[in-house]
Amino acid sequence: MAAQQQILHGARCQLIINGKKVGLFSSISYGVNYDVQPSFILGRYSAAELTYTGQDVVSVNATGFRVVDNGAYKAAGLPKLQELMNHSEISLAIYDRQTGKQVMTVVGVRPVGFSSGQSARAISDFSVNFLGRILSDESGDQGEATGAANLDDGN
């Protein structure tokens, strides 16, 4: 009996935007960056310490096929101009359809733009850029430590 494949690949992944499976994307990339400040002191050449000072927002880029009547506003949850003031944050997730596990979830997401184009003898595609607040993967949920401030503190 052959061993079950463990390496994740695109055919196993399903992109979920705000709880809805979206099947027209062909690639997605994402990343987390931490803010780190070096502390240099007199008497040494190298940094004495690297101190975490924050986490940048999560950047996500998804590219997919441009389908008539299912453009970026509809397929990727982009707000229209008149909806910006009342737009609510969305969530993104990637699930492994082989194991049923969540491999990535980003919460507090805002779509921030898209680009598209058409060329002769080519399939039309579009790319959507998202920014999110917190990314979790199959290693477990993430969130602020106990005691972190919130916007509604003191109200």
Protein backbone atom coordinates (compact mmCIF):
# COMPACT_ATOMS: atom_id res chain seq x y z
CA MET A 1 0.00 0.00 0.00
CA ALA A 2 1.39 3.40 -0.99
CA ALA A 3 1.94 6.08 1.62
CA GLN A 4 -0.45 9.02 1.63
CA GLN A 5 1.05 12.08 -0.04
CA GLN A 6 2.04 14.71 2.49
CA ILE A 7 3.29 17.54 0.28
CA LEU A 8 0.65 20.19 -0.30
CA HIS A 9 -0.01 21.23 -3.90
CA GLY A 10 -2.47 23.41 -5.78
CA ALA A 11 -4.92 20.66 -6.74
CA ARG A 12 -5.51 19.96 -3.05
CA CYS A 13 -6.19 23.59 -2.11
CA GLN A 14 -9.52 25.37 -2.06
CA LEU A 15 -9.75 29.13 -1.51
CA ILE A 16 -12.58 30.24 0.75
CA ILE A 17 -13.51 33.95 0.78
CA ASN A 18 -15.83 34.98 3.58
CA GLY A 19 -17.05 31.42 4.03
CA LYS A 20 -17.69 30.77 0.33
CA LYS A 21 -15.56 28.50 -1.89
CA VAL A 22 -14.27 30.47 -4.89
CA GLY A 23 -13.11 28.21 -7.69
CA LEU A 24 -11.67 30.61 -10.24
CA PHE A 25 -8.31 31.39 -8.64
CA SER A 26 -5.20 29.74 -10.01
CA SER A 27 -2.63 30.96 -7.47
CA ILE A 28 -2.37 32.63 -4.09
CA SER A 29 0.60 33.95 -2.17
CA TYR A 30 0.76 35.32 1.34
CA GLY A 31 3.25 36.25 4.00
CA VAL A 32 3.78 37.47 7.55
CA ASN A 33 6.52 39.91 8.54
CA TYR A 34 7.56 40.93 12.04
CA ASP A 35 9.02 44.29 12.97
CA VAL A 36 12.41 43.73 14.58
CA GLN A 37 14.68 46.45 15.93
CA PRO A 38 18.38 45.85 16.51
CA SER A 39 19.92 47.32 19.66
CA PHE A 40 23.48 48.47 19.15
CA ILE A 41 25.54 49.37 22.19
CA LEU A 42 28.94 50.88 22.75
CA GLY A 43 31.71 48.34 22.98
CA ARG A 44 30.56 45.85 20.34
CA TYR A 45 30.22 45.66 16.57
CA SER A 46 27.12 43.50 16.35
CA ALA A 47 23.67 44.06 17.75
CA ALA A 48 23.33 43.17 21.41
CA GLU A 49 19.71 42.14 20.90
CA LEU A 50 17.00 41.87 18.27
CA THR A 51 13.69 43.00 19.77
CA TYR A 52 10.27 42.25 18.33
CA THR A 53 8.28 45.48 18.22
CA GLY A 54 5.24 44.41 16.21
CA GLN A 55 3.78 42.47 13.34
CA ASP A 56 3.08 44.02 9.97
CA VAL A 57 -0.26 43.39 8.30
CA VAL A 58 -0.62 40.14 6.38
CA SER A 59 -0.26 40.60 2.63
CA VAL A 60 -2.22 38.26 0.33
CA ASN A 61 -2.29 38.22 -3.48
CA ALA A 62 -4.63 35.94 -5.43
CA THR A 63 -4.63 35.53 -9.21
CA GLY A 64 -7.47 33.94 -11.11
CA PHE A 65 -9.34 33.68 -14.36
CA ARG A 66 -11.53 36.61 -15.43
CA VAL A 67 -14.99 35.14 -15.93
CA VAL A 68 -17.76 37.29 -17.44
CA ASP A 69 -20.32 38.25 -14.77
CA ASN A 70 -17.92 37.12 -12.01
CA GLY A 71 -15.25 39.80 -11.80
CA ALA A 72 -13.19 40.92 -8.81
CA TYR A 73 -16.01 42.81 -7.10
CA LYS A 74 -18.23 39.74 -7.02
CA ALA A 75 -15.71 36.88 -6.84
CA ALA A 76 -13.25 38.40 -4.36
CA GLY A 77 -15.52 40.49 -2.17
CA LEU A 78 -14.11 43.84 -3.29
CA PRO A 79 -16.31 46.70 -2.14
CA LYS A 80 -17.58 49.10 -4.75
CA LEU A 81 -16.75 52.77 -4.31
CA GLN A 82 -20.13 53.55 -2.76
CA GLU A 83 -19.70 50.66 -0.28
CA LEU A 84 -16.34 51.72 1.20
CA MET A 85 -17.78 53.49 4.24
CA ASN A 86 -19.84 50.49 5.36
CA HIS A 87 -17.65 47.61 4.19
CA SER A 88 -17.04 44.94 6.84
CA GLU A 89 -13.83 42.99 7.17
CA ILE A 90 -13.83 39.59 5.49
CA SER A 91 -11.85 36.38 6.00
CA LEU A 92 -9.74 34.24 3.70
CA ALA A 93 -8.95 30.57 4.15
CA ILE A 94 -7.26 27.74 2.31
CA TYR A 95 -8.42 24.22 3.00
CA ASP A 96 -6.72 21.01 1.98
CA ARG A 97 -9.42 18.96 0.29
CA GLN A 98 -7.43 15.73 0.83
CA THR A 99 -7.30 16.02 4.61
CA GLY A 100 -10.07 18.56 5.23
CA LYS A 101 -7.64 20.64 7.29
CA GLN A 102 -7.32 24.39 7.31
CA VAL A 103 -3.86 25.30 6.03
CA MET A 104 -4.27 29.06 6.24
CA THR A 105 -6.81 31.53 7.59
CA VAL A 106 -6.50 35.30 7.61
CA VAL A 107 -8.97 37.36 9.63
CA GLY A 108 -9.61 41.07 9.60
CA VAL A 109 -9.14 41.19 5.82
CA ARG A 110 -9.74 44.14 3.53
CA PRO A 111 -9.50 43.81 -0.25
CA VAL A 112 -7.26 46.72 -1.26
CA GLY A 113 -7.29 46.57 -5.05
CA PHE A 114 -7.15 44.51 -8.19
CA SER A 115 -5.70 44.56 -11.67
CA SER A 116 -6.80 42.90 -14.88
CA GLY A 117 -6.20 42.97 -18.60
CA GLN A 118 -6.88 41.27 -21.88
CA SER A 119 -4.51 40.24 -24.66
CA ALA A 120 -4.91 38.64 -28.05
CA ARG A 121 -4.57 34.85 -27.95
CA ALA A 122 -4.51 34.77 -24.15
CA ILE A 123 -6.84 33.89 -21.31
CA SER A 124 -7.85 36.94 -19.31
CA ASP A 125 -6.92 36.95 -15.65
CA PHE A 126 -7.03 39.28 -12.68
CA SER A 127 -5.06 39.71 -9.47
CA VAL A 128 -6.54 40.85 -6.19
CA ASN A 129 -4.54 42.29 -3.30
CA PHE A 130 -5.72 41.87 0.28
CA LEU A 131 -4.41 43.07 3.63
CA GLY A 132 -5.34 41.21 6.81
CA ARG A 133 -4.63 41.48 10.50
CA ILE A 134 -3.84 37.95 11.71
CA LEU A 135 -2.82 34.75 9.88
CA SER A 136 -3.22 31.30 11.41
CA ASP A 137 -2.25 27.95 9.95
CA GLU A 138 -2.64 24.30 10.91
CA SER A 139 -0.32 24.81 13.88
CA GLY A 140 -3.14 26.65 15.69
CA ASP A 141 -4.96 29.93 16.07
CA GLN A 142 -3.12 33.16 16.72
CA GLY A 143 -4.17 36.31 18.48
CA GLU A 144 -3.06 39.09 20.73
CA ALA A 145 -1.77 38.17 24.19
CA THR A 146 -4.00 38.71 27.22
CA GLY A 147 -4.28 42.36 28.12
CA ALA A 148 -3.77 43.75 24.61
CA ALA A 149 -5.63 47.00 23.95
CA ASN A 150 -8.67 47.23 21.65
CA LEU A 151 -10.27 50.14 19.86
CA ASP A 152 -13.34 49.99 22.11
CA ASP A 153 -11.41 50.02 25.40
CA GLY A 154 -12.67 52.74 27.71
CA ASN A 155 -16.02 53.18 25.98
